[in-house]
Full PDB file with SEQRES, HELIX, SHEET, SSBOND, CRYST1, ORIGX, SCALE, CONECT and MASTER records, all heavy atoms in Angstrom:
SEQRES   1 A   42  PHE GLY CYS VAL LEU ALA ILE PHE PRO ASP PHE PRO PHE          
SEQRES   2 A   42  PRO VAL GLY ALA TRP PHE LEU VAL VAL TYR GLY LEU ALA          
SEQRES   3 A   42  SER GLY VAL PHE LEU GLY CYS LEU SER VAL ALA LEU ALA          
SEQRES   4 A   42  GLU VAL LEU                                                  
HELIX    1 AA1 GLY A    2  ILE A    7  1                                   6    
HELIX    2 AA2 ALA A   17  VAL A   41  1                                  25    
CRYST1    1.000    1.000    1.000  90.00  90.00  90.00 P 1           1          
ORIGX1      1.000000  0.000000  0.000000        0.00000                         
ORIGX2      0.000000  1.000000  0.000000        0.00000                         
ORIGX3      0.000000  0.000000  1.000000        0.00000                         
SCALE1      1.000000  0.000000  0.000000        0.00000                         
SCALE2      0.000000  1.000000  0.000000        0.00000                         
SCALE3      0.000000  0.000000  1.000000        0.00000                         
ATOM      1  N   PHE A   1      92.655  67.500  89.709  1.00  0.00           N  
ATOM      2  CA  PHE A   1      92.837  68.958  89.800  1.00  0.00           C  
ATOM      3  C   PHE A   1      94.195  69.494  89.647  1.00  0.00           C  
ATOM      4  O   PHE A   1      94.460  70.473  88.898  1.00  0.00           O  
ATOM      5  CB  PHE A   1      92.214  69.375  91.166  1.00  0.00           C  
ATOM      6  CG  PHE A   1      92.233  70.876  91.369  1.00  0.00           C  
ATOM      7  CD1 PHE A   1      91.251  71.620  90.795  1.00  0.00           C  
ATOM      8  CD2 PHE A   1      93.098  71.477  92.363  1.00  0.00           C  
ATOM      9  CE1 PHE A   1      91.241  72.962  90.943  1.00  0.00           C  
ATOM     10  CE2 PHE A   1      93.055  72.796  92.485  1.00  0.00           C  
ATOM     11  CZ  PHE A   1      92.122  73.537  91.805  1.00  0.00           C  
ATOM     12  N   GLY A   2      95.239  68.835  90.126  1.00  0.00           N  
ATOM     13  CA  GLY A   2      96.632  69.162  89.955  1.00  0.00           C  
ATOM     14  C   GLY A   2      97.001  69.123  88.498  1.00  0.00           C  
ATOM     15  O   GLY A   2      97.744  70.007  87.958  1.00  0.00           O  
ATOM     16  N   CYS A   3      96.608  68.114  87.754  1.00  0.00           N  
ATOM     17  CA  CYS A   3      96.882  67.983  86.348  1.00  0.00           C  
ATOM     18  C   CYS A   3      96.261  69.128  85.542  1.00  0.00           C  
ATOM     19  O   CYS A   3      96.855  69.669  84.648  1.00  0.00           O  
ATOM     20  CB  CYS A   3      96.393  66.569  85.873  1.00  0.00           C  
ATOM     21  SG  CYS A   3      97.530  65.161  86.481  1.00  0.00           S  
ATOM     22  N   VAL A   4      95.047  69.390  85.824  1.00  0.00           N  
ATOM     23  CA  VAL A   4      94.367  70.549  85.162  1.00  0.00           C  
ATOM     24  C   VAL A   4      95.036  71.837  85.353  1.00  0.00           C  
ATOM     25  O   VAL A   4      95.335  72.499  84.443  1.00  0.00           O  
ATOM     26  CB  VAL A   4      92.815  70.603  85.570  1.00  0.00           C  
ATOM     27  CG1 VAL A   4      92.255  71.866  85.069  1.00  0.00           C  
ATOM     28  CG2 VAL A   4      92.090  69.365  85.002  1.00  0.00           C  
ATOM     29  N   LEU A   5      95.464  72.082  86.603  1.00  0.00           N  
ATOM     30  CA  LEU A   5      96.238  73.322  86.841  1.00  0.00           C  
ATOM     31  C   LEU A   5      97.594  73.289  86.205  1.00  0.00           C  
ATOM     32  O   LEU A   5      98.096  74.345  85.793  1.00  0.00           O  
ATOM     33  CB  LEU A   5      96.375  73.504  88.391  1.00  0.00           C  
ATOM     34  CG  LEU A   5      95.118  73.964  89.109  1.00  0.00           C  
ATOM     35  CD1 LEU A   5      95.422  74.141  90.546  1.00  0.00           C  
ATOM     36  CD2 LEU A   5      94.524  75.207  88.522  1.00  0.00           C  
ATOM     37  N   ALA A   6      98.230  72.084  86.110  1.00  0.00           N  
ATOM     38  CA  ALA A   6      99.570  71.958  85.450  1.00  0.00           C  
ATOM     39  C   ALA A   6      99.500  72.213  84.027  1.00  0.00           C  
ATOM     40  O   ALA A   6     100.279  72.832  83.279  1.00  0.00           O  
ATOM     41  CB  ALA A   6     100.244  70.748  85.822  1.00  0.00           C  
ATOM     42  N   ILE A   7      98.388  71.716  83.383  1.00  0.00           N  
ATOM     43  CA  ILE A   7      98.296  71.676  81.969  1.00  0.00           C  
ATOM     44  C   ILE A   7      97.753  73.176  81.406  1.00  0.00           C  
ATOM     45  O   ILE A   7      98.259  73.616  80.465  1.00  0.00           O  
ATOM     46  CB  ILE A   7      97.255  70.582  81.427  1.00  0.00           C  
ATOM     47  CG1 ILE A   7      98.018  69.171  81.677  1.00  0.00           C  
ATOM     48  CG2 ILE A   7      97.006  70.691  79.979  1.00  0.00           C  
ATOM     49  CD1 ILE A   7      97.073  68.032  81.344  1.00  0.00           C  
ATOM     50  N   PHE A   8      96.784  73.711  82.233  1.00  0.00           N  
ATOM     51  CA  PHE A   8      96.328  74.998  81.854  1.00  0.00           C  
ATOM     52  C   PHE A   8      96.647  76.072  82.851  1.00  0.00           C  
ATOM     53  O   PHE A   8      95.849  76.478  83.644  1.00  0.00           O  
ATOM     54  CB  PHE A   8      94.834  74.969  81.772  1.00  0.00           C  
ATOM     55  CG  PHE A   8      94.286  73.898  80.769  1.00  0.00           C  
ATOM     56  CD1 PHE A   8      93.620  72.774  81.210  1.00  0.00           C  
ATOM     57  CD2 PHE A   8      94.512  74.024  79.374  1.00  0.00           C  
ATOM     58  CE1 PHE A   8      93.274  71.769  80.277  1.00  0.00           C  
ATOM     59  CE2 PHE A   8      94.045  73.044  78.536  1.00  0.00           C  
ATOM     60  CZ  PHE A   8      93.421  71.929  78.914  1.00  0.00           C  
ATOM     61  N   PRO A   9      97.936  76.437  82.897  1.00  0.00           N  
ATOM     62  CA  PRO A   9      98.299  77.412  83.997  1.00  0.00           C  
ATOM     63  C   PRO A   9      97.678  78.923  83.718  1.00  0.00           C  
ATOM     64  O   PRO A   9      97.532  79.566  84.739  1.00  0.00           O  
ATOM     65  CB  PRO A   9      99.891  77.522  83.798  1.00  0.00           C  
ATOM     66  CG  PRO A   9     100.035  77.222  82.407  1.00  0.00           C  
ATOM     67  CD  PRO A   9      99.004  76.138  81.962  1.00  0.00           C  
ATOM     68  N   ASP A  10      97.241  79.150  82.747  1.00  0.00           N  
ATOM     69  CA  ASP A  10      96.608  80.403  82.368  1.00  0.00           C  
ATOM     70  C   ASP A  10      95.125  80.473  82.519  1.00  0.00           C  
ATOM     71  O   ASP A  10      94.404  81.491  82.324  1.00  0.00           O  
ATOM     72  CB  ASP A  10      96.905  80.942  80.927  1.00  0.00           C  
ATOM     73  CG  ASP A  10      98.447  81.214  80.801  1.00  0.00           C  
ATOM     74  OD1 ASP A  10      99.159  81.556  81.794  1.00  0.00           O  
ATOM     75  OD2 ASP A  10      98.916  81.107  79.682  1.00  0.00           O  
ATOM     76  N   PHE A  11      94.584  79.317  82.874  1.00  0.00           N  
ATOM     77  CA  PHE A  11      93.077  79.267  83.153  1.00  0.00           C  
ATOM     78  C   PHE A  11      92.707  80.076  84.392  1.00  0.00           C  
ATOM     79  O   PHE A  11      93.294  80.020  85.453  1.00  0.00           O  
ATOM     80  CB  PHE A  11      92.698  77.767  83.445  1.00  0.00           C  
ATOM     81  CG  PHE A  11      91.225  77.399  83.464  1.00  0.00           C  
ATOM     82  CD1 PHE A  11      90.518  77.490  82.331  1.00  0.00           C  
ATOM     83  CD2 PHE A  11      90.684  77.227  84.693  1.00  0.00           C  
ATOM     84  CE1 PHE A  11      89.156  77.219  82.384  1.00  0.00           C  
ATOM     85  CE2 PHE A  11      89.352  76.979  84.876  1.00  0.00           C  
ATOM     86  CZ  PHE A  11      88.545  76.942  83.594  1.00  0.00           C  
ATOM     87  N   PRO A  12      91.663  80.925  84.156  1.00  0.00           N  
ATOM     88  CA  PRO A  12      91.361  81.814  85.349  1.00  0.00           C  
ATOM     89  C   PRO A  12      90.732  81.028  86.493  1.00  0.00           C  
ATOM     90  O   PRO A  12      89.703  80.280  86.277  1.00  0.00           O  
ATOM     91  CB  PRO A  12      90.331  82.686  84.689  1.00  0.00           C  
ATOM     92  CG  PRO A  12      89.887  82.100  83.429  1.00  0.00           C  
ATOM     93  CD  PRO A  12      90.963  81.161  83.031  1.00  0.00           C  
ATOM     94  N   PHE A  13      91.319  81.158  87.639  1.00  0.00           N  
ATOM     95  CA  PHE A  13      90.920  80.420  88.702  1.00  0.00           C  
ATOM     96  C   PHE A  13      90.985  81.331  89.880  1.00  0.00           C  
ATOM     97  O   PHE A  13      91.849  81.220  90.758  1.00  0.00           O  
ATOM     98  CB  PHE A  13      91.718  79.183  89.025  1.00  0.00           C  
ATOM     99  CG  PHE A  13      91.255  78.088  89.847  1.00  0.00           C  
ATOM    100  CD1 PHE A  13      90.039  77.483  89.688  1.00  0.00           C  
ATOM    101  CD2 PHE A  13      91.804  77.922  91.168  1.00  0.00           C  
ATOM    102  CE1 PHE A  13      89.530  76.534  90.499  1.00  0.00           C  
ATOM    103  CE2 PHE A  13      91.409  77.020  91.973  1.00  0.00           C  
ATOM    104  CZ  PHE A  13      90.175  76.307  91.679  1.00  0.00           C  
ATOM    105  N   PRO A  14      90.047  82.320  90.075  1.00  0.00           N  
ATOM    106  CA  PRO A  14      90.117  83.371  91.111  1.00  0.00           C  
ATOM    107  C   PRO A  14      89.634  82.884  92.432  1.00  0.00           C  
ATOM    108  O   PRO A  14      88.560  83.018  92.826  1.00  0.00           O  
ATOM    109  CB  PRO A  14      89.090  84.409  90.606  1.00  0.00           C  
ATOM    110  CG  PRO A  14      88.090  83.643  89.874  1.00  0.00           C  
ATOM    111  CD  PRO A  14      88.846  82.426  89.291  1.00  0.00           C  
ATOM    112  N   VAL A  15      90.599  82.356  93.293  1.00  0.00           N  
ATOM    113  CA  VAL A  15      90.325  81.849  94.674  1.00  0.00           C  
ATOM    114  C   VAL A  15      91.069  82.606  95.666  1.00  0.00           C  
ATOM    115  O   VAL A  15      90.763  82.504  96.845  1.00  0.00           O  
ATOM    116  CB  VAL A  15      90.465  80.382  94.848  1.00  0.00           C  
ATOM    117  CG1 VAL A  15      89.463  79.642  94.003  1.00  0.00           C  
ATOM    118  CG2 VAL A  15      91.848  79.971  94.465  1.00  0.00           C  
ATOM    119  N   GLY A  16      92.065  83.291  95.394  1.00  0.00           N  
ATOM    120  CA  GLY A  16      92.958  84.113  96.298  1.00  0.00           C  
ATOM    121  C   GLY A  16      94.202  83.380  96.757  1.00  0.00           C  
ATOM    122  O   GLY A  16      94.344  82.144  96.334  1.00  0.00           O  
ATOM    123  N   ALA A  17      94.925  84.112  97.626  1.00  0.00           N  
ATOM    124  CA  ALA A  17      96.184  83.547  98.015  1.00  0.00           C  
ATOM    125  C   ALA A  17      96.001  82.459  99.050  1.00  0.00           C  
ATOM    126  O   ALA A  17      96.877  81.635  99.202  1.00  0.00           O  
ATOM    127  CB  ALA A  17      96.966  84.728  98.548  1.00  0.00           C  
ATOM    128  N   TRP A  18      94.914  82.564  99.781  1.00  0.00           N  
ATOM    129  CA  TRP A  18      94.678  81.520 100.762  1.00  0.00           C  
ATOM    130  C   TRP A  18      94.712  80.106 100.160  1.00  0.00           C  
ATOM    131  O   TRP A  18      95.091  79.121 100.717  1.00  0.00           O  
ATOM    132  CB  TRP A  18      93.441  81.772 101.550  1.00  0.00           C  
ATOM    133  CG  TRP A  18      92.137  81.659 100.808  1.00  0.00           C  
ATOM    134  CD1 TRP A  18      91.542  82.578  99.960  1.00  0.00           C  
ATOM    135  CD2 TRP A  18      91.526  80.362 100.465  1.00  0.00           C  
ATOM    136  NE1 TRP A  18      90.490  82.134  99.312  1.00  0.00           N  
ATOM    137  CE2 TRP A  18      90.444  80.793  99.641  1.00  0.00           C  
ATOM    138  CE3 TRP A  18      91.578  78.989 100.922  1.00  0.00           C  
ATOM    139  CZ2 TRP A  18      89.471  79.863  99.168  1.00  0.00           C  
ATOM    140  CZ3 TRP A  18      90.658  78.190 100.516  1.00  0.00           C  
ATOM    141  CH2 TRP A  18      89.641  78.548  99.669  1.00  0.00           C  
ATOM    142  N   PHE A  19      94.084  79.998  98.925  1.00  0.00           N  
ATOM    143  CA  PHE A  19      94.003  78.607  98.387  1.00  0.00           C  
ATOM    144  C   PHE A  19      95.405  78.184  97.964  1.00  0.00           C  
ATOM    145  O   PHE A  19      95.670  76.990  97.894  1.00  0.00           O  
ATOM    146  CB  PHE A  19      93.140  78.708  97.060  1.00  0.00           C  
ATOM    147  CG  PHE A  19      92.987  77.399  96.400  1.00  0.00           C  
ATOM    148  CD1 PHE A  19      92.149  76.451  96.916  1.00  0.00           C  
ATOM    149  CD2 PHE A  19      93.769  77.101  95.252  1.00  0.00           C  
ATOM    150  CE1 PHE A  19      92.048  75.315  96.285  1.00  0.00           C  
ATOM    151  CE2 PHE A  19      93.555  75.859  94.600  1.00  0.00           C  
ATOM    152  CZ  PHE A  19      92.672  74.987  95.161  1.00  0.00           C  
ATOM    153  N   LEU A  20      96.286  79.088  97.491  1.00  0.00           N  
ATOM    154  CA  LEU A  20      97.697  78.718  97.215  1.00  0.00           C  
ATOM    155  C   LEU A  20      98.406  78.131  98.330  1.00  0.00           C  
ATOM    156  O   LEU A  20      99.170  77.087  98.348  1.00  0.00           O  
ATOM    157  CB  LEU A  20      98.358  79.908  96.675  1.00  0.00           C  
ATOM    158  CG  LEU A  20      99.884  79.659  96.305  1.00  0.00           C  
ATOM    159  CD1 LEU A  20      99.889  78.733  95.030  1.00  0.00           C  
ATOM    160  CD2 LEU A  20     100.530  81.022  95.903  1.00  0.00           C  
ATOM    161  N   VAL A  21      98.151  78.605  99.610  1.00  0.00           N  
ATOM    162  CA  VAL A  21      98.718  78.137 100.781  1.00  0.00           C  
ATOM    163  C   VAL A  21      98.225  76.771 101.137  1.00  0.00           C  
ATOM    164  O   VAL A  21      98.972  75.887 101.456  1.00  0.00           O  
ATOM    165  CB  VAL A  21      98.438  79.121 102.015  1.00  0.00           C  
ATOM    166  CG1 VAL A  21      98.792  78.593 103.340  1.00  0.00           C  
ATOM    167  CG2 VAL A  21      99.229  80.473 101.764  1.00  0.00           C  
ATOM    168  N   VAL A  22      96.874  76.618 101.005  1.00  0.00           N  
ATOM    169  CA  VAL A  22      96.329  75.273 101.297  1.00  0.00           C  
ATOM    170  C   VAL A  22      96.743  74.279 100.376  1.00  0.00           C  
ATOM    171  O   VAL A  22      97.100  73.107 100.642  1.00  0.00           O  
ATOM    172  CB  VAL A  22      94.731  75.542 101.369  1.00  0.00           C  
ATOM    173  CG1 VAL A  22      93.929  74.113 101.409  1.00  0.00           C  
ATOM    174  CG2 VAL A  22      94.297  76.411 102.511  1.00  0.00           C  
ATOM    175  N   TYR A  23      96.775  74.581  99.021  1.00  0.00           N  
ATOM    176  CA  TYR A  23      97.154  73.705  98.016  1.00  0.00           C  
ATOM    177  C   TYR A  23      98.581  73.304  98.272  1.00  0.00           C  
ATOM    178  O   TYR A  23      98.944  72.115  97.881  1.00  0.00           O  
ATOM    179  CB  TYR A  23      96.812  74.322  96.591  1.00  0.00           C  
ATOM    180  CG  TYR A  23      97.143  73.266  95.453  1.00  0.00           C  
ATOM    181  CD1 TYR A  23      96.169  72.242  95.285  1.00  0.00           C  
ATOM    182  CD2 TYR A  23      98.140  73.531  94.653  1.00  0.00           C  
ATOM    183  CE1 TYR A  23      96.511  71.451  94.165  1.00  0.00           C  
ATOM    184  CE2 TYR A  23      98.483  72.628  93.559  1.00  0.00           C  
ATOM    185  CZ  TYR A  23      97.624  71.545  93.404  1.00  0.00           C  
ATOM    186  OH  TYR A  23      97.759  70.649  92.433  1.00  0.00           O  
ATOM    187  N   GLY A  24      99.437  74.245  98.431  1.00  0.00           N  
ATOM    188  CA  GLY A  24     100.844  73.926  98.708  1.00  0.00           C  
ATOM    189  C   GLY A  24     101.120  73.054  99.886  1.00  0.00           C  
ATOM    190  O   GLY A  24     101.870  72.144  99.800  1.00  0.00           O  
ATOM    191  N   LEU A  25     100.390  73.320 100.930  1.00  0.00           N  
ATOM    192  CA  LEU A  25     100.520  72.464 102.200  1.00  0.00           C  
ATOM    193  C   LEU A  25     100.008  71.106 101.867  1.00  0.00           C  
ATOM    194  O   LEU A  25     100.573  70.061 102.194  1.00  0.00           O  
ATOM    195  CB  LEU A  25      99.679  73.082 103.376  1.00  0.00           C  
ATOM    196  CG  LEU A  25      99.647  72.392 104.582  1.00  0.00           C  
ATOM    197  CD1 LEU A  25     101.103  72.358 105.150  1.00  0.00           C  
ATOM    198  CD2 LEU A  25      98.755  72.935 105.558  1.00  0.00           C  
ATOM    199  N   ALA A  26      98.880  70.936 101.204  1.00  0.00           N  
ATOM    200  CA  ALA A  26      98.381  69.691 100.837  1.00  0.00           C  
ATOM    201  C   ALA A  26      99.284  68.903  99.895  1.00  0.00           C  
ATOM    202  O   ALA A  26      99.496  67.599 100.090  1.00  0.00           O  
ATOM    203  CB  ALA A  26      96.941  69.707 100.243  1.00  0.00           C  
ATOM    204  N   SER A  27      99.791  69.569  98.955  1.00  0.00           N  
ATOM    205  CA  SER A  27     100.768  68.881  98.014  1.00  0.00           C  
ATOM    206  C   SER A  27     102.065  68.415  98.774  1.00  0.00           C  
ATOM    207  O   SER A  27     102.495  67.324  98.433  1.00  0.00           O  
ATOM    208  CB  SER A  27     101.141  69.853  96.817  1.00  0.00           C  
ATOM    209  OG  SER A  27      99.997  70.187  96.108  1.00  0.00           O  
ATOM    210  N   GLY A  28     102.549  69.266  99.665  1.00  0.00           N  
ATOM    211  CA  GLY A  28     103.677  68.852 100.434  1.00  0.00           C  
ATOM    212  C   GLY A  28     103.456  67.688 101.339  1.00  0.00           C  
ATOM    213  O   GLY A  28     104.336  66.744 101.479  1.00  0.00           O  
ATOM    214  N   VAL A  29     102.318  67.663 101.964  1.00  0.00           N  
ATOM    215  CA  VAL A  29     102.022  66.560 102.819  1.00  0.00           C  
ATOM    216  C   VAL A  29     101.815  65.304 101.985  1.00  0.00           C  
ATOM    217  O   VAL A  29     102.266  64.257 102.367  1.00  0.00           O  
ATOM    218  CB  VAL A  29     100.725  66.815 103.573  1.00  0.00           C  
ATOM    219  CG1 VAL A  29     100.091  65.694 104.228  1.00  0.00           C  
ATOM    220  CG2 VAL A  29     100.850  67.907 104.591  1.00  0.00           C  
ATOM    221  N   PHE A  30     101.144  65.379 100.768  1.00  0.00           N  
ATOM    222  CA  PHE A  30     101.030  64.201  99.968  1.00  0.00           C  
ATOM    223  C   PHE A  30     102.520  63.709  99.415  1.00  0.00           C  
ATOM    224  O   PHE A  30     102.722  62.522  99.581  1.00  0.00           O  
ATOM    225  CB  PHE A  30     100.191  64.487  98.694  1.00  0.00           C  
ATOM    226  CG  PHE A  30     100.220  63.379  97.699  1.00  0.00           C  
ATOM    227  CD1 PHE A  30      99.509  62.221  97.884  1.00  0.00           C  
ATOM    228  CD2 PHE A  30     100.932  63.645  96.600  1.00  0.00           C  
ATOM    229  CE1 PHE A  30      99.487  61.248  97.035  1.00  0.00           C  
ATOM    230  CE2 PHE A  30     100.976  62.560  95.610  1.00  0.00           C  
ATOM    231  CZ  PHE A  30     100.240  61.385  95.894  1.00  0.00           C  
ATOM    232  N   LEU A  31     103.311  64.627  99.077  1.00  0.00           N  
ATOM    233  CA  LEU A  31     104.578  64.256  98.645  1.00  0.00           C  
ATOM    234  C   LEU A  31     105.534  63.644  99.682  1.00  0.00           C  
ATOM    235  O   LEU A  31     106.218  62.662  99.556  1.00  0.00           O  
ATOM    236  CB  LEU A  31     105.253  65.355  97.976  1.00  0.00           C  
ATOM    237  CG  LEU A  31     106.693  65.120  97.265  1.00  0.00           C  
ATOM    238  CD1 LEU A  31     106.381  64.234  96.070  1.00  0.00           C  
ATOM    239  CD2 LEU A  31     107.195  66.419  96.729  1.00  0.00           C  
ATOM    240  N   GLY A  32     105.392  64.295 100.862  1.00  0.00           N  
ATOM    241  CA  GLY A  32     106.093  63.718 101.964  1.00  0.00           C  
ATOM    242  C   GLY A  32     105.626  62.305 102.351  1.00  0.00           C  
ATOM    243  O   GLY A  32     106.397  61.378 102.759  1.00  0.00           O  
ATOM    244  N   CYS A  33     104.250  62.138 102.464  1.00  0.00           N  
ATOM    245  CA  CYS A  33     103.741  60.858 102.779  1.00  0.00           C  
ATOM    246  C   CYS A  33     104.083  59.752 101.705  1.00  0.00           C  
ATOM    247  O   CYS A  33     104.475  58.556 102.080  1.00  0.00           O  
ATOM    248  CB  CYS A  33     102.264  60.880 102.946  1.00  0.00           C  
ATOM    249  SG  CYS A  33     101.618  61.736 104.337  1.00  0.00           S  
ATOM    250  N   LEU A  34     104.126  60.171 100.436  1.00  0.00           N  
ATOM    251  CA  LEU A  34     104.569  59.221  99.387  1.00  0.00           C  
ATOM    252  C   LEU A  34     105.998  58.870  99.476  1.00  0.00           C  
ATOM    253  O   LEU A  34     106.366  57.721  99.412  1.00  0.00           O  
ATOM    254  CB  LEU A  34     104.310  59.936  98.088  1.00  0.00           C  
ATOM    255  CG  LEU A  34     104.535  59.053  96.851  1.00  0.00           C  
ATOM    256  CD1 LEU A  34     103.521  57.817  96.843  1.00  0.00           C  
ATOM    257  CD2 LEU A  34     104.258  59.780  95.492  1.00  0.00           C  
ATOM    258  N   SER A  35     106.865  59.827  99.755  1.00  0.00           N  
ATOM    259  CA  SER A  35     108.208  59.448  99.909  1.00  0.00           C  
ATOM    260  C   SER A  35     108.669  58.610 101.175  1.00  0.00           C  
ATOM    261  O   SER A  35     109.490  57.665 101.003  1.00  0.00           O  
ATOM    262  CB  SER A  35     109.130  60.766  99.801  1.00  0.00           C  
ATOM    263  OG  SER A  35     108.821  61.585 100.911  1.00  0.00           O  
ATOM    264  N   VAL A  36     108.003  58.994 102.167  1.00  0.00           N  
ATOM    265  CA  VAL A  36     108.237  58.140 103.451  1.00  0.00           C  
ATOM    266  C   VAL A  36     107.668  56.686 103.234  1.00  0.00           C  
ATOM    267  O   VAL A  36     108.267  55.799 103.734  1.00  0.00           O  
ATOM    268  CB  VAL A  36     107.604  58.907 104.698  1.00  0.00           C  
ATOM    269  CG1 VAL A  36     107.534  57.990 105.914  1.00  0.00           C  
ATOM    270  CG2 VAL A  36     108.354  60.112 104.942  1.00  0.00           C  
ATOM    271  N   ALA A  37     106.493  56.568 102.632  1.00  0.00           N  
ATOM    272  CA  ALA A  37     105.949  55.344 102.385  1.00  0.00           C  
ATOM    273  C   ALA A  37     106.822  54.513 101.411  1.00  0.00           C  
ATOM    274  O   ALA A  37     107.040  53.336 101.636  1.00  0.00           O  
ATOM    275  CB  ALA A  37     104.493  55.404 101.772  1.00  0.00           C  
ATOM    276  N   LEU A  38     107.382  55.221 100.464  1.00  0.00           N  
ATOM    277  CA  LEU A  38     108.225  54.468  99.525  1.00  0.00           C  
ATOM    278  C   LEU A  38     109.541  54.007 100.164  1.00  0.00           C  
ATOM    279  O   LEU A  38     110.031  52.891 100.182  1.00  0.00           O  
ATOM    280  CB  LEU A  38     108.584  55.374  98.326  1.00  0.00           C  
ATOM    281  CG  LEU A  38     109.409  54.625  97.266  1.00  0.00           C  
ATOM    282  CD1 LEU A  38     108.882  53.471  96.670  1.00  0.00           C  
ATOM    283  CD2 LEU A  38     109.685  55.654  96.219  1.00  0.00           C  
ATOM    284  N   ALA A  39     110.075  54.911 101.035  1.00  0.00           N  
ATOM    285  CA  ALA A  39     111.287  54.538 101.804  1.00  0.00           C  
ATOM    286  C   ALA A  39     111.053  53.498 102.839  1.00  0.00           C  
ATOM    287  O   ALA A  39     111.878  52.608 103.013  1.00  0.00           O  
ATOM    288  CB  ALA A  39     111.822  55.781 102.529  1.00  0.00           C  
ATOM    289  N   GLU A  40     109.865  53.426 103.397  1.00  0.00           N  
ATOM    290  CA  GLU A  40     109.431  52.369 104.373  1.00  0.00           C  
ATOM    291  C   GLU A  40     109.367  51.134 103.590  1.00  0.00           C  
ATOM    292  O   GLU A  40     109.814  49.955 104.151  1.00  0.00           O  
ATOM    293  CB  GLU A  40     108.159  52.867 105.105  1.00  0.00           C  
ATOM    294  CG  GLU A  40     107.657  51.771 106.126  1.00  0.00           C  
ATOM    295  CD  GLU A  40     106.425  52.189 106.798  1.00  0.00           C  
ATOM    296  OE1 GLU A  40     106.113  53.448 106.863  1.00  0.00           O  
ATOM    297  OE2 GLU A  40     105.688  51.288 107.196  1.00  0.00           O  
ATOM    298  N   VAL A  41     108.757  51.106 102.527  1.00  0.00           N  
ATOM    299  CA  VAL A  41     108.565  49.869 101.816  1.00  0.00           C  
ATOM    300  C   VAL A  41     109.938  49.328 101.356  1.00  0.00           C  
ATOM    301  O   VAL A  41     110.140  48.043 101.403  1.00  0.00           O  
ATOM    302  CB  VAL A  41     107.599  49.921 100.562  1.00  0.00           C  
ATOM    303  CG1 VAL A  41     107.774  48.837  99.656  1.00  0.00           C  
ATOM    304  CG2 VAL A  41     106.252  50.049 101.011  1.00  0.00           C  
ATOM    305  N   LEU A  42     110.827  50.188 100.994  1.00  0.00           N  
ATOM    306  CA  LEU A  42     112.252  49.682 100.638  1.00  0.00           C  
ATOM    307  C   LEU A  42     113.079  49.479 101.753  1.00  0.00           C  
ATOM    308  O   LEU A  42     114.226  49.171 101.578  1.00  0.00           O  
ATOM    309  CB  LEU A  42     112.765  50.708  99.580  1.00  0.00           C  
ATOM    310  CG  LEU A  42     111.991  50.946  98.293  1.00  0.00           C  
ATOM    311  CD1 LEU A  42     112.667  52.058  97.555  1.00  0.00           C  
ATOM    312  CD2 LEU A  42     112.005  49.678  97.566  1.00  0.00           C  
TER     313      LEU A  42                                                      
MASTER        0    0    0    2    0    0    0    6  312    1    0    4          
END                                                                             
């Protein structure tokens, strides 16, 4: 889903501002978990 949104930014996706908040929060949690897991492994 993230790749599709990144490749087609002009694709109409009418879900509202609430989705932007949820998607941003989920992306931030994923990126934070990934960086902490990488730091933990190293």
